[in-house]
PDB file of N, CA and C in Angstrom:
ATOM      1  N   MET A   1     118.475 207.296 141.486  1.00  0.00           N
ATOM      2  CA  MET A   1     119.741 207.946 141.727  1.00  0.00           C
ATOM      3  C   MET A   1     120.741 206.904 142.202  1.00  0.00           C
ATOM      4  N   SER A   2     121.768 206.718 141.437  1.00  0.00           N
ATOM      5  CA  SER A   2     122.786 205.730 141.755  1.00  0.00           C
ATOM      6  C   SER A   2     124.041 206.451 142.231  1.00  0.00           C
ATOM      7  N   GLU A   3     124.592 206.001 143.326  1.00  0.00           N
ATOM      8  CA  GLU A   3     125.826 206.608 143.790  1.00  0.00           C
ATOM      9  C   GLU A   3     126.885 205.531 143.872  1.00  0.00           C
ATOM     10  N   SER A   4     128.109 205.929 143.582  1.00  0.00           N
ATOM     11  CA  SER A   4     129.174 204.937 143.648  1.00  0.00           C
ATOM     12  C   SER A   4     129.518 204.684 145.108  1.00  0.00           C
ATOM     13  N   VAL A   5     129.831 203.450 145.377  1.00  0.00           N
ATOM     14  CA  VAL A   5     130.163 203.058 146.739  1.00  0.00           C
ATOM     15  C   VAL A   5     131.680 202.996 146.859  1.00  0.00           C
ATOM     16  N   VAL A   6     132.203 203.728 147.804  1.00  0.00           N
ATOM     17  CA  VAL A   6     133.636 203.685 148.078  1.00  0.00           C
ATOM     18  C   VAL A   6     133.891 202.489 148.980  1.00  0.00           C
ATOM     19  N   VAL A   7     134.957 201.769 148.700  1.00  0.00           N
ATOM     20  CA  VAL A   7     135.331 200.642 149.547  1.00  0.00           C
ATOM     21  C   VAL A   7     136.748 200.904 150.049  1.00  0.00           C
ATOM     22  N   PHE A   8     136.909 200.832 151.363  1.00  0.00           N
ATOM     23  CA  PHE A   8     138.205 201.057 151.986  1.00  0.00           C
ATOM     24  C   PHE A   8     138.806 199.708 152.363  1.00  0.00           C
ATOM     25  N   LYS A   9     139.818 199.283 151.609  1.00  0.00           N
ATOM     26  CA  LYS A   9     140.503 198.021 151.916  1.00  0.00           C
ATOM     27  C   LYS A   9     141.635 198.358 152.879  1.00  0.00           C
ATOM     28  N   MET A  10     141.270 198.384 154.159  1.00  0.00           N
ATOM     29  CA  MET A  10     142.126 198.937 155.195  1.00  0.00           C
ATOM     30  C   MET A  10     143.508 198.304 155.262  1.00  0.00           C
ATOM     31  N   SER A  11     143.582 196.986 155.452  1.00  0.00           N
ATOM     32  CA  SER A  11     144.891 196.360 155.629  1.00  0.00           C
ATOM     33  C   SER A  11     145.597 196.174 154.293  1.00  0.00           C
ATOM     34  N   GLU A  12     144.830 195.816 153.273  1.00  0.00           N
ATOM     35  CA  GLU A  12     145.423 195.573 151.950  1.00  0.00           C
ATOM     36  C   GLU A  12     146.161 196.811 151.439  1.00  0.00           C
ATOM     37  N   HIS A  13     145.572 197.992 151.661  1.00  0.00           N
ATOM     38  CA  HIS A  13     146.168 199.239 151.178  1.00  0.00           C
ATOM     39  C   HIS A  13     146.833 200.034 152.303  1.00  0.00           C
ATOM     40  N   ASN A  14     146.926 199.438 153.496  1.00  0.00           N
ATOM     41  CA  ASN A  14     147.518 200.086 154.668  1.00  0.00           C
ATOM     42  C   ASN A  14     146.988 201.515 154.861  1.00  0.00           C
ATOM     43  N   LEU A  15     145.669 201.655 154.865  1.00  0.00           N
ATOM     44  CA  LEU A  15     145.037 202.968 154.981  1.00  0.00           C
ATOM     45  C   LEU A  15     145.095 203.479 156.414  1.00  0.00           C
ATOM     46  N   ASP A  16     145.107 204.801 156.542  1.00  0.00           N
ATOM     47  CA  ASP A  16     145.156 205.449 157.843  1.00  0.00           C
ATOM     48  C   ASP A  16     143.772 205.452 158.490  1.00  0.00           C
ATOM     49  N   ILE A  17     143.689 204.984 159.728  1.00  0.00           N
ATOM     50  CA  ILE A  17     142.413 204.850 160.428  1.00  0.00           C
ATOM     51  C   ILE A  17     141.717 206.200 160.579  1.00  0.00           C
ATOM     52  N   ASP A  18     142.450 207.220 160.999  1.00  0.00           N
ATOM     53  CA  ASP A  18     141.830 208.531 161.204  1.00  0.00           C
ATOM     54  C   ASP A  18     141.346 209.150 159.891  1.00  0.00           C
ATOM     55  N   GLU A  19     142.137 209.009 158.825  1.00  0.00           N
ATOM     56  CA  GLU A  19     141.734 209.570 157.526  1.00  0.00           C
ATOM     57  C   GLU A  19     140.456 208.902 157.024  1.00  0.00           C
ATOM     58  N   VAL A  20     140.399 207.598 157.113  1.00  0.00           N
ATOM     59  CA  VAL A  20     139.214 206.869 156.643  1.00  0.00           C
ATOM     60  C   VAL A  20     138.008 207.215 157.516  1.00  0.00           C
ATOM     61  N   THR A  21     138.223 207.325 158.818  1.00  0.00           N
ATOM     62  CA  THR A  21     137.129 207.707 159.726  1.00  0.00           C
ATOM     63  C   THR A  21     136.557 209.056 159.314  1.00  0.00           C
ATOM     64  N   GLN A  22     137.419 210.025 159.030  1.00  0.00           N
ATOM     65  CA  GLN A  22     136.949 211.362 158.645  1.00  0.00           C
ATOM     66  C   GLN A  22     136.216 211.321 157.293  1.00  0.00           C
ATOM     67  N   GLU A  23     136.728 210.536 156.353  1.00  0.00           N
ATOM     68  CA  GLU A  23     136.050 210.404 155.054  1.00  0.00           C
ATOM     69  C   GLU A  23     134.660 209.796 155.237  1.00  0.00           C
ATOM     70  N   LEU A  24     134.570 208.760 156.060  1.00  0.00           N
ATOM     71  CA  LEU A  24     133.268 208.128 156.303  1.00  0.00           C
ATOM     72  C   LEU A  24     132.308 209.088 157.007  1.00  0.00           C
ATOM     73  N   LEU A  25     132.806 209.853 157.959  1.00  0.00           N
ATOM     74  CA  LEU A  25     131.952 210.839 158.633  1.00  0.00           C
ATOM     75  C   LEU A  25     131.395 211.847 157.635  1.00  0.00           C
ATOM     76  N   ALA A  26     132.216 212.267 156.681  1.00  0.00           N
ATOM     77  CA  ALA A  26     131.754 213.216 155.660  1.00  0.00           C
ATOM     78  C   ALA A  26     130.657 212.591 154.797  1.00  0.00           C
ATOM     79  N   VAL A  27     130.835 211.339 154.418  1.00  0.00           N
ATOM     80  CA  VAL A  27     129.826 210.633 153.617  1.00  0.00           C
ATOM     81  C   VAL A  27     128.523 210.506 154.410  1.00  0.00           C
ATOM     82  N   ILE A  28     128.643 210.083 155.658  1.00  0.00           N
ATOM     83  CA  ILE A  28     127.462 209.907 156.506  1.00  0.00           C
ATOM     84  C   ILE A  28     126.753 211.239 156.709  1.00  0.00           C
ATOM     85  N   SER A  29     127.511 212.313 156.932  1.00  0.00           N
ATOM     86  CA  SER A  29     126.899 213.641 157.092  1.00  0.00           C
ATOM     87  C   SER A  29     126.074 214.007 155.866  1.00  0.00           C
ATOM     88  N   GLY A  30     126.586 213.678 154.699  1.00  0.00           N
ATOM     89  CA  GLY A  30     125.840 213.934 153.459  1.00  0.00           C
ATOM     90  C   GLY A  30     124.544 213.152 153.420  1.00  0.00           C
ATOM     91  N   TRP A  31     124.599 211.888 153.811  1.00  0.00           N
ATOM     92  CA  TRP A  31     123.385 211.064 153.830  1.00  0.00           C
ATOM     93  C   TRP A  31     122.367 211.641 154.804  1.00  0.00           C
ATOM     94  N   LEU A  32     122.839 212.047 155.988  1.00  0.00           N
ATOM     95  CA  LEU A  32     121.923 212.580 156.997  1.00  0.00           C
ATOM     96  C   LEU A  32     121.300 213.892 156.535  1.00  0.00           C
ATOM     97  N   LYS A  33     122.096 214.746 155.876  1.00  0.00           N
ATOM     98  CA  LYS A  33     121.563 216.012 155.362  1.00  0.00           C
ATOM     99  C   LYS A  33     120.466 215.762 154.338  1.00  0.00           C
ATOM    100  N   GLN A  34     120.644 214.757 153.506  1.00  0.00           N
ATOM    101  CA  GLN A  34     119.625 214.414 152.505  1.00  0.00           C
ATOM    102  C   GLN A  34     118.310 214.072 153.174  1.00  0.00           C
ATOM    103  N   GLU A  35     118.380 213.586 154.390  1.00  0.00           N
ATOM    104  CA  GLU A  35     117.167 213.202 155.125  1.00  0.00           C
ATOM    105  C   GLU A  35     116.755 214.264 156.145  1.00  0.00           C
ATOM    106  N   ASN A  36     117.400 215.428 156.073  1.00  0.00           N
ATOM    107  CA  ASN A  36     117.136 216.512 157.032  1.00  0.00           C
ATOM    108  C   ASN A  36     117.341 216.058 158.472  1.00  0.00           C
ATOM    109  N   CYS A  37     118.354 215.227 158.689  1.00  0.00           N
ATOM    110  CA  CYS A  37     118.711 214.772 160.033  1.00  0.00           C
ATOM    111  C   CYS A  37     119.999 215.466 160.454  1.00  0.00           C
ATOM    112  N   TYR A  38     120.162 215.591 161.742  1.00  0.00           N
ATOM    113  CA  TYR A  38     121.378 216.197 162.272  1.00  0.00           C
ATOM    114  C   TYR A  38     121.783 215.459 163.539  1.00  0.00           C
ATOM    115  N   THR A  39     123.041 215.647 163.925  1.00  0.00           N
ATOM    116  CA  THR A  39     123.527 215.051 165.163  1.00  0.00           C
ATOM    117  C   THR A  39     123.749 216.155 166.189  1.00  0.00           C
ATOM    118  N   THR A  40     123.532 215.820 167.441  1.00  0.00           N
ATOM    119  CA  THR A  40     123.961 216.711 168.512  1.00  0.00           C
ATOM    120  C   THR A  40     125.474 216.523 168.656  1.00  0.00           C
ATOM    121  N   ASP A  41     126.125 217.398 169.409  1.00  0.00           N
ATOM    122  CA  ASP A  41     127.571 217.265 169.603  1.00  0.00           C
ATOM    123  C   ASP A  41     127.931 215.919 170.226  1.00  0.00           C
ATOM    124  N   VAL A  42     127.153 215.499 171.213  1.00  0.00           N
ATOM    125  CA  VAL A  42     127.425 214.213 171.880  1.00  0.00           C
ATOM    126  C   VAL A  42     127.216 213.052 170.905  1.00  0.00           C
ATOM    127  N   GLN A  43     126.126 213.099 170.125  1.00  0.00           N
ATOM    128  CA  GLN A  43     125.870 212.030 169.150  1.00  0.00           C
ATOM    129  C   GLN A  43     126.992 211.977 168.113  1.00  0.00           C
ATOM    130  N   GLN A  44     127.481 213.142 167.704  1.00  0.00           N
ATOM    131  CA  GLN A  44     128.567 213.195 166.716  1.00  0.00           C
ATOM    132  C   GLN A  44     129.836 212.561 167.297  1.00  0.00           C
ATOM    133  N   GLN A  45     130.143 212.870 168.553  1.00  0.00           N
ATOM    134  CA  GLN A  45     131.324 212.288 169.199  1.00  0.00           C
ATOM    135  C   GLN A  45     131.190 210.772 169.320  1.00  0.00           C
ATOM    136  N   MET A  46     130.005 210.314 169.700  1.00  0.00           N
ATOM    137  CA  MET A  46     129.791 208.874 169.858  1.00  0.00           C
ATOM    138  C   MET A  46     129.884 208.160 168.504  1.00  0.00           C
ATOM    139  N   LEU A  47     129.290 208.758 167.478  1.00  0.00           N
ATOM    140  CA  LEU A  47     129.348 208.178 166.137  1.00  0.00           C
ATOM    141  C   LEU A  47     130.791 208.118 165.660  1.00  0.00           C
ATOM    142  N   GLU A  48     131.520 209.203 165.861  1.00  0.00           N
ATOM    143  CA  GLU A  48     132.919 209.242 165.427  1.00  0.00           C
ATOM    144  C   GLU A  48     133.756 208.195 166.156  1.00  0.00           C
ATOM    145  N   SER A  49     133.548 208.059 167.453  1.00  0.00           N
ATOM    146  CA  SER A  49     134.276 207.076 168.241  1.00  0.00           C
ATOM    147  C   SER A  49     133.968 205.657 167.759  1.00  0.00           C
ATOM    148  N   HIS A  50     132.690 205.372 167.527  1.00  0.00           N
ATOM    149  CA  HIS A  50     132.290 204.050 167.049  1.00  0.00           C
ATOM    150  C   HIS A  50     132.878 203.787 165.664  1.00  0.00           C
ATOM    151  N   LEU A  51     132.784 204.773 164.773  1.00  0.00           N
ATOM    152  CA  LEU A  51     133.339 204.592 163.426  1.00  0.00           C
ATOM    153  C   LEU A  51     134.832 204.310 163.473  1.00  0.00           C
ATOM    154  N   ARG A  52     135.557 205.074 164.295  1.00  0.00           N
ATOM    155  CA  ARG A  52     137.003 204.870 164.393  1.00  0.00           C
ATOM    156  C   ARG A  52     137.299 203.433 164.839  1.00  0.00           C
ATOM    157  N   ALA A  53     136.537 202.935 165.794  1.00  0.00           N
ATOM    158  CA  ALA A  53     136.743 201.558 166.266  1.00  0.00           C
ATOM    159  C   ALA A  53     136.427 200.550 165.159  1.00  0.00           C
ATOM    160  N   MET A  54     135.363 200.810 164.391  1.00  0.00           N
ATOM    161  CA  MET A  54     135.019 199.916 163.274  1.00  0.00           C
ATOM    162  C   MET A  54     136.120 199.911 162.215  1.00  0.00           C
ATOM    163  N   VAL A  55     136.595 201.093 161.878  1.00  0.00           N
ATOM    164  CA  VAL A  55     137.657 201.216 160.872  1.00  0.00           C
ATOM    165  C   VAL A  55     138.909 200.476 161.362  1.00  0.00           C
ATOM    166  N   ALA A  56     139.208 200.627 162.645  1.00  0.00           N
ATOM    167  CA  ALA A  56     140.370 199.921 163.206  1.00  0.00           C
ATOM    168  C   ALA A  56     140.179 198.411 163.118  1.00  0.00           C
ATOM    169  N   ARG A  57     138.964 197.926 163.435  1.00  0.00           N
ATOM    170  CA  ARG A  57     138.706 196.476 163.334  1.00  0.00           C
ATOM    171  C   ARG A  57     138.827 195.998 161.891  1.00  0.00           C
ATOM    172  N   ALA A  58     138.412 196.843 160.943  1.00  0.00           N
ATOM    173  CA  ALA A  58     138.540 196.461 159.533  1.00  0.00           C
ATOM    174  C   ALA A  58     140.011 196.338 159.142  1.00  0.00           C
ATOM    175  N   LYS A  59     140.860 197.113 159.802  1.00  0.00           N
ATOM    176  CA  LYS A  59     142.292 197.063 159.478  1.00  0.00           C
ATOM    177  C   LYS A  59     142.990 195.913 160.192  1.00  0.00           C
ATOM    178  N   THR A  60     142.652 195.698 161.457  1.00  0.00           N
ATOM    179  CA  THR A  60     143.372 194.697 162.255  1.00  0.00           C
ATOM    180  C   THR A  60     142.761 193.308 162.187  1.00  0.00           C
ATOM    181  N   GLY A  61     141.488 193.234 161.769  1.00  0.00           N
ATOM    182  CA  GLY A  61     140.812 191.952 161.751  1.00  0.00           C
ATOM    183  C   GLY A  61     140.309 191.528 163.116  1.00  0.00           C
ATOM    184  N   GLU A  62     140.420 192.428 164.098  1.00  0.00           N
ATOM    185  CA  GLU A  62     139.929 192.123 165.455  1.00  0.00           C
ATOM    186  C   GLU A  62     138.447 191.767 165.394  1.00  0.00           C
ATOM    187  N   ALA A  63     138.071 190.728 166.121  1.00  0.00           N
ATOM    188  CA  ALA A  63     136.680 190.273 166.117  1.00  0.00           C
ATOM    189  C   ALA A  63     135.877 190.996 167.196  1.00  0.00           C
ATOM    190  N   LEU A  64     134.584 191.091 166.964  1.00  0.00           N
ATOM    191  CA  LEU A  64     133.667 191.611 167.971  1.00  0.00           C
ATOM    192  C   LEU A  64     133.312 190.501 168.950  1.00  0.00           C
ATOM    193  N   PRO A  65     132.991 190.884 170.187  1.00  0.00           N
ATOM    194  CA  PRO A  65     132.408 189.871 171.064  1.00  0.00           C
ATOM    195  C   PRO A  65     131.056 189.451 170.482  1.00  0.00           C
ATOM    196  N   GLU A  66     130.560 188.312 170.884  1.00  0.00           N
ATOM    197  CA  GLU A  66     129.283 187.836 170.348  1.00  0.00           C
ATOM    198  C   GLU A  66     128.174 188.840 170.661  1.00  0.00           C
ATOM    199  N   VAL A  67     127.317 189.071 169.668  1.00  0.00           N
ATOM    200  CA  VAL A  67     126.228 190.042 169.805  1.00  0.00           C
ATOM    201  C   VAL A  67     124.898 189.322 169.574  1.00  0.00           C
ATOM    202  N   ASP A  68     123.947 189.551 170.461  1.00  0.00           N
ATOM    203  CA  ASP A  68     122.605 188.986 170.298  1.00  0.00           C
ATOM    204  C   ASP A  68     121.801 189.938 169.417  1.00  0.00           C
ATOM    205  N   VAL A  69     121.634 189.583 168.134  1.00  0.00           N
ATOM    206  CA  VAL A  69     120.971 190.491 167.204  1.00  0.00           C
ATOM    207  C   VAL A  69     119.491 190.699 167.523  1.00  0.00           C
ATOM    208  N   SER A  70     118.912 189.837 168.350  1.00  0.00           N
ATOM    209  CA  SER A  70     117.510 190.036 168.722  1.00  0.00           C
ATOM    210  C   SER A  70     117.342 191.309 169.560  1.00  0.00           C
ATOM    211  N   LEU A  71     118.419 191.793 170.142  1.00  0.00           N
ATOM    212  CA  LEU A  71     118.362 193.043 170.910  1.00  0.00           C
ATOM    213  C   LEU A  71     118.037 194.243 170.010  1.00  0.00           C
ATOM    214  N   PHE A  72     118.175 194.063 168.706  1.00  0.00           N
ATOM    215  CA  PHE A  72     118.005 195.162 167.765  1.00  0.00           C
ATOM    216  C   PHE A  72     116.681 195.085 167.013  1.00  0.00           C
ATOM    217  N   ASP A  73     115.746 194.270 167.515  1.00  0.00           N
ATOM    218  CA  ASP A  73     114.455 194.071 166.841  1.00  0.00           C
ATOM    219  C   ASP A  73     113.665 195.369 166.660  1.00  0.00           C
ATOM    220  N   GLU A  74     113.857 196.330 167.553  1.00  0.00           N
ATOM    221  CA  GLU A  74     113.072 197.561 167.471  1.00  0.00           C
ATOM    222  C   GLU A  74     113.743 198.652 166.650  1.00  0.00           C
ATOM    223  N   ILE A  75     114.920 198.374 166.109  1.00  0.00           N
ATOM    224  CA  ILE A  75     115.600 199.336 165.232  1.00  0.00           C
ATOM    225  C   ILE A  75     114.932 199.286 163.866  1.00  0.00           C
ATOM    226  N   SER A  76     114.664 200.452 163.308  1.00  0.00           N
ATOM    227  CA  SER A  76     113.965 200.507 162.011  1.00  0.00           C
ATOM    228  C   SER A  76     114.833 199.928 160.900  1.00  0.00           C
ATOM    229  N   GLN A  77     114.164 199.396 159.882  1.00  0.00           N
ATOM    230  CA  GLN A  77     114.878 198.871 158.721  1.00  0.00           C
ATOM    231  C   GLN A  77     115.676 199.972 158.035  1.00  0.00           C
ATOM    232  N   HIS A  78     115.169 201.191 158.101  1.00  0.00           N
ATOM    233  CA  HIS A  78     115.861 202.313 157.469  1.00  0.00           C
ATOM    234  C   HIS A  78     117.218 202.558 158.146  1.00  0.00           C
ATOM    235  N   SER A  79     117.237 202.553 159.470  1.00  0.00           N
ATOM    236  CA  SER A  79     118.500 202.757 160.190  1.00  0.00           C
ATOM    237  C   SER A  79     119.455 201.592 159.939  1.00  0.00           C
ATOM    238  N   ILE A  80     118.933 200.394 159.864  1.00  0.00           N
ATOM    239  CA  ILE A  80     119.776 199.227 159.568  1.00  0.00           C
ATOM    240  C   ILE A  80     120.343 199.345 158.151  1.00  0.00           C
ATOM    241  N   ALA A  81     119.530 199.801 157.213  1.00  0.00           N
ATOM    242  CA  ALA A  81     120.005 199.962 155.825  1.00  0.00           C
ATOM    243  C   ALA A  81     121.106 201.022 155.740  1.00  0.00           C
ATOM    244  N   LEU A  82     120.926 202.133 156.446  1.00  0.00           N
ATOM    245  CA  LEU A  82     121.974 203.167 156.467  1.00  0.00           C
ATOM    246  C   LEU A  82     123.264 202.590 157.037  1.00  0.00           C
ATOM    247  N   SER A  83     123.131 201.867 158.110  1.00  0.00           N
ATOM    248  CA  SER A  83     124.279 201.259 158.751  1.00  0.00           C
ATOM    249  C   SER A  83     124.964 200.259 157.818  1.00  0.00           C
ATOM    250  N   GLN A  84     124.172 199.483 157.104  1.00  0.00           N
ATOM    251  CA  GLN A  84     124.732 198.497 156.181  1.00  0.00           C
ATOM    252  C   GLN A  84     125.546 199.178 155.084  1.00  0.00           C
ATOM    253  N   ARG A  85     125.082 200.353 154.636  1.00  0.00           N
ATOM    254  CA  ARG A  85     125.836 201.095 153.612  1.00  0.00           C
ATOM    255  C   ARG A  85     127.230 201.440 154.124  1.00  0.00           C
ATOM    256  N   VAL A  86     127.334 201.784 155.402  1.00  0.00           N
ATOM    257  CA  VAL A  86     128.641 202.102 155.988  1.00  0.00           C
ATOM    258  C   VAL A  86     129.483 200.837 156.094  1.00  0.00           C
ATOM    259  N   VAL A  87     128.906 199.771 156.630  1.00  0.00           N
ATOM    260  CA  VAL A  87     129.640 198.516 156.817  1.00  0.00           C
ATOM    261  C   VAL A  87     130.122 197.981 155.459  1.00  0.00           C
ATOM    262  N   ASP A  88     129.346 198.178 154.418  1.00  0.00           N
ATOM    263  CA  ASP A  88     129.737 197.713 153.080  1.00  0.00           C
ATOM    264  C   ASP A  88     131.002 198.391 152.571  1.00  0.00           C
ATOM    265  N   THR A  89     131.349 199.553 153.129  1.00  0.00           N
ATOM    266  CA  THR A  89     132.561 200.251 152.685  1.00  0.00           C
ATOM    267  C   THR A  89     133.818 199.683 153.333  1.00  0.00           C
ATOM    268  N   LEU A  90     133.643 198.807 154.315  1.00  0.00           N
ATOM    269  CA  LEU A  90     134.776 198.257 155.061  1.00  0.00           C
ATOM    270  C   LEU A  90     134.746 196.730 155.008  1.00  0.00           C
ATOM    271  N   PRO A  91     135.297 196.150 153.935  1.00  0.00           N
ATOM    272  CA  PRO A  91     135.264 194.691 153.789  1.00  0.00           C
ATOM    273  C   PRO A  91     135.911 193.990 154.983  1.00  0.00           C
ATOM    274  N   GLY A  92     135.314 192.863 155.342  1.00  0.00           N
ATOM    275  CA  GLY A  92     135.884 192.037 156.395  1.00  0.00           C
ATOM    276  C   GLY A  92     135.257 192.229 157.760  1.00  0.00           C
ATOM    277  N   LEU A  93     134.364 193.212 157.897  1.00  0.00           N
ATOM    278  CA  LEU A  93     133.717 193.407 159.192  1.00  0.00           C
ATOM    279  C   LEU A  93     132.649 192.343 159.415  1.00  0.00           C
ATOM    280  N   ALA A  94     132.435 192.020 160.668  1.00  0.00           N
ATOM    281  CA  ALA A  94     131.402 191.043 161.035  1.00  0.00           C
ATOM    282  C   ALA A  94     130.017 191.617 160.744  1.00  0.00           C
ATOM    283  N   PRO A  95     129.057 190.767 160.370  1.00  0.00           N
ATOM    284  CA  PRO A  95     127.693 191.237 160.084  1.00  0.00           C
ATOM    285  C   PRO A  95     127.070 191.985 161.271  1.00  0.00           C
ATOM    286  N   GLU A  96     127.458 191.629 162.482  1.00  0.00           N
ATOM    287  CA  GLU A  96     126.897 192.282 163.667  1.00  0.00           C
ATOM    288  C   GLU A  96     127.229 193.768 163.741  1.00  0.00           C
ATOM    289  N   GLU A  97     128.301 194.193 163.049  1.00  0.00           N
ATOM    290  CA  GLU A  97     128.673 195.611 163.042  1.00  0.00           C
ATOM    291  C   GLU A  97     127.495 196.464 162.562  1.00  0.00           C
ATOM    292  N   THR A  98     126.736 195.940 161.604  1.00  0.00           N
ATOM    293  CA  THR A  98     125.596 196.678 161.063  1.00  0.00           C
ATOM    294  C   THR A  98     124.596 197.003 162.162  1.00  0.00           C
ATOM    295  N   PHE A  99     124.317 196.028 163.001  1.00  0.00           N
ATOM    296  CA  PHE A  99     123.324 196.238 164.059  1.00  0.00           C
ATOM    297  C   PHE A  99     123.830 197.224 165.105  1.00  0.00           C
ATOM    298  N   LEU A 100     125.093 197.092 165.486  1.00  0.00           N
ATOM    299  CA  LEU A 100     125.644 197.993 166.503  1.00  0.00           C
ATOM    300  C   LEU A 100     125.636 199.441 166.007  1.00  0.00           C
ATOM    301  N   LEU A 101     126.037 199.650 164.763  1.00  0.00           N
ATOM    302  CA  LEU A 101     126.068 201.006 164.212  1.00  0.00           C
ATOM    303  C   LEU A 101     124.662 201.562 164.006  1.00  0.00           C
ATOM    304  N   SER A 102     123.703 200.689 163.719  1.00  0.00           N
ATOM    305  CA  SER A 102     122.333 201.147 163.434  1.00  0.00           C
ATOM    306  C   SER A 102     121.713 201.895 164.610  1.00  0.00           C
ATOM    307  N   VAL A 103     122.159 201.592 165.820  1.00  0.00           N
ATOM    308  CA  VAL A 103     121.634 202.285 167.002  1.00  0.00           C
ATOM    309  C   VAL A 103     121.923 203.785 166.893  1.00  0.00           C
ATOM    310  N   HIS A 104     123.102 204.138 166.415  1.00  0.00           N
ATOM    311  CA  HIS A 104     123.444 205.557 166.238  1.00  0.00           C
ATOM    312  C   HIS A 104     122.470 206.231 165.274  1.00  0.00           C
ATOM    313  N   PHE A 105     122.210 205.576 164.147  1.00  0.00           N
ATOM    314  CA  PHE A 105     121.305 206.170 163.156  1.00  0.00           C
ATOM    315  C   PHE A 105     119.887 206.287 163.687  1.00  0.00           C
ATOM    316  N   GLU A 106     119.470 205.306 164.448  1.00  0.00           N
ATOM    317  CA  GLU A 106     118.121 205.339 165.021  1.00  0.00           C
ATOM    318  C   GLU A 106     117.976 206.543 165.960  1.00  0.00           C
ATOM    319  N   VAL A 107     118.967 206.763 166.798  1.00  0.00           N
ATOM    320  CA  VAL A 107     118.937 207.887 167.729  1.00  0.00           C
ATOM    321  C   VAL A 107     118.991 209.211 166.968  1.00  0.00           C
ATOM    322  N   ILE A 108     119.893 209.303 166.002  1.00  0.00           N
ATOM    323  CA  ILE A 108     120.044 210.536 165.220  1.00  0.00           C
ATOM    324  C   ILE A 108     118.741 210.851 164.476  1.00  0.00           C
ATOM    325  N   ARG A 109     118.119 209.850 163.901  1.00  0.00           N
ATOM    326  CA  ARG A 109     116.902 210.076 163.119  1.00  0.00           C
ATOM    327  C   ARG A 109     115.729 210.458 164.008  1.00  0.00           C
ATOM    328  N   SER A 110     115.850 210.261 165.337  1.00  0.00           N
ATOM    329  CA  SER A 110     114.755 210.621 166.237  1.00  0.00           C
ATOM    330  C   SER A 110     114.860 212.065 166.739  1.00  0.00           C
ATOM    331  N   ASN A 111     115.944 212.757 166.376  1.00  0.00           N
ATOM    332  CA  ASN A 111     116.098 214.167 166.791  1.00  0.00           C
ATOM    333  C   ASN A 111     114.987 214.999 166.169  1.00  0.00           C
ATOM    334  N   ASP A 112     114.479 215.928 166.949  1.00  0.00           N
ATOM    335  CA  ASP A 112     113.441 216.848 166.409  1.00  0.00           C
ATOM    336  C   ASP A 112     114.076 218.068 165.789  1.00  0.00           C
TER     337      ASP A 112
END
């Protein structure tokens, strides 16, 4: 099953941060439903807040503080892959964004 990947060129196309955040949340919700995963209200708020910040960084080019990726050794490859799919939609983000976002997916995927 091949799905087309949407790419949001934030600054190049002067895209709206909130609109792109909502579109990405809808895409992510679809991915989570496919895996029978769900978010609690708090997890949804945290994910939305993190996504909005990522989308803003993709638009402004703001850099992340240095991140020690070894802190993410216990995050599953599956959560990292899901996170990478999101980061791939926002060109120009630092590779560390994948690891930071993967924590959300790891927590969400652990819900019973």
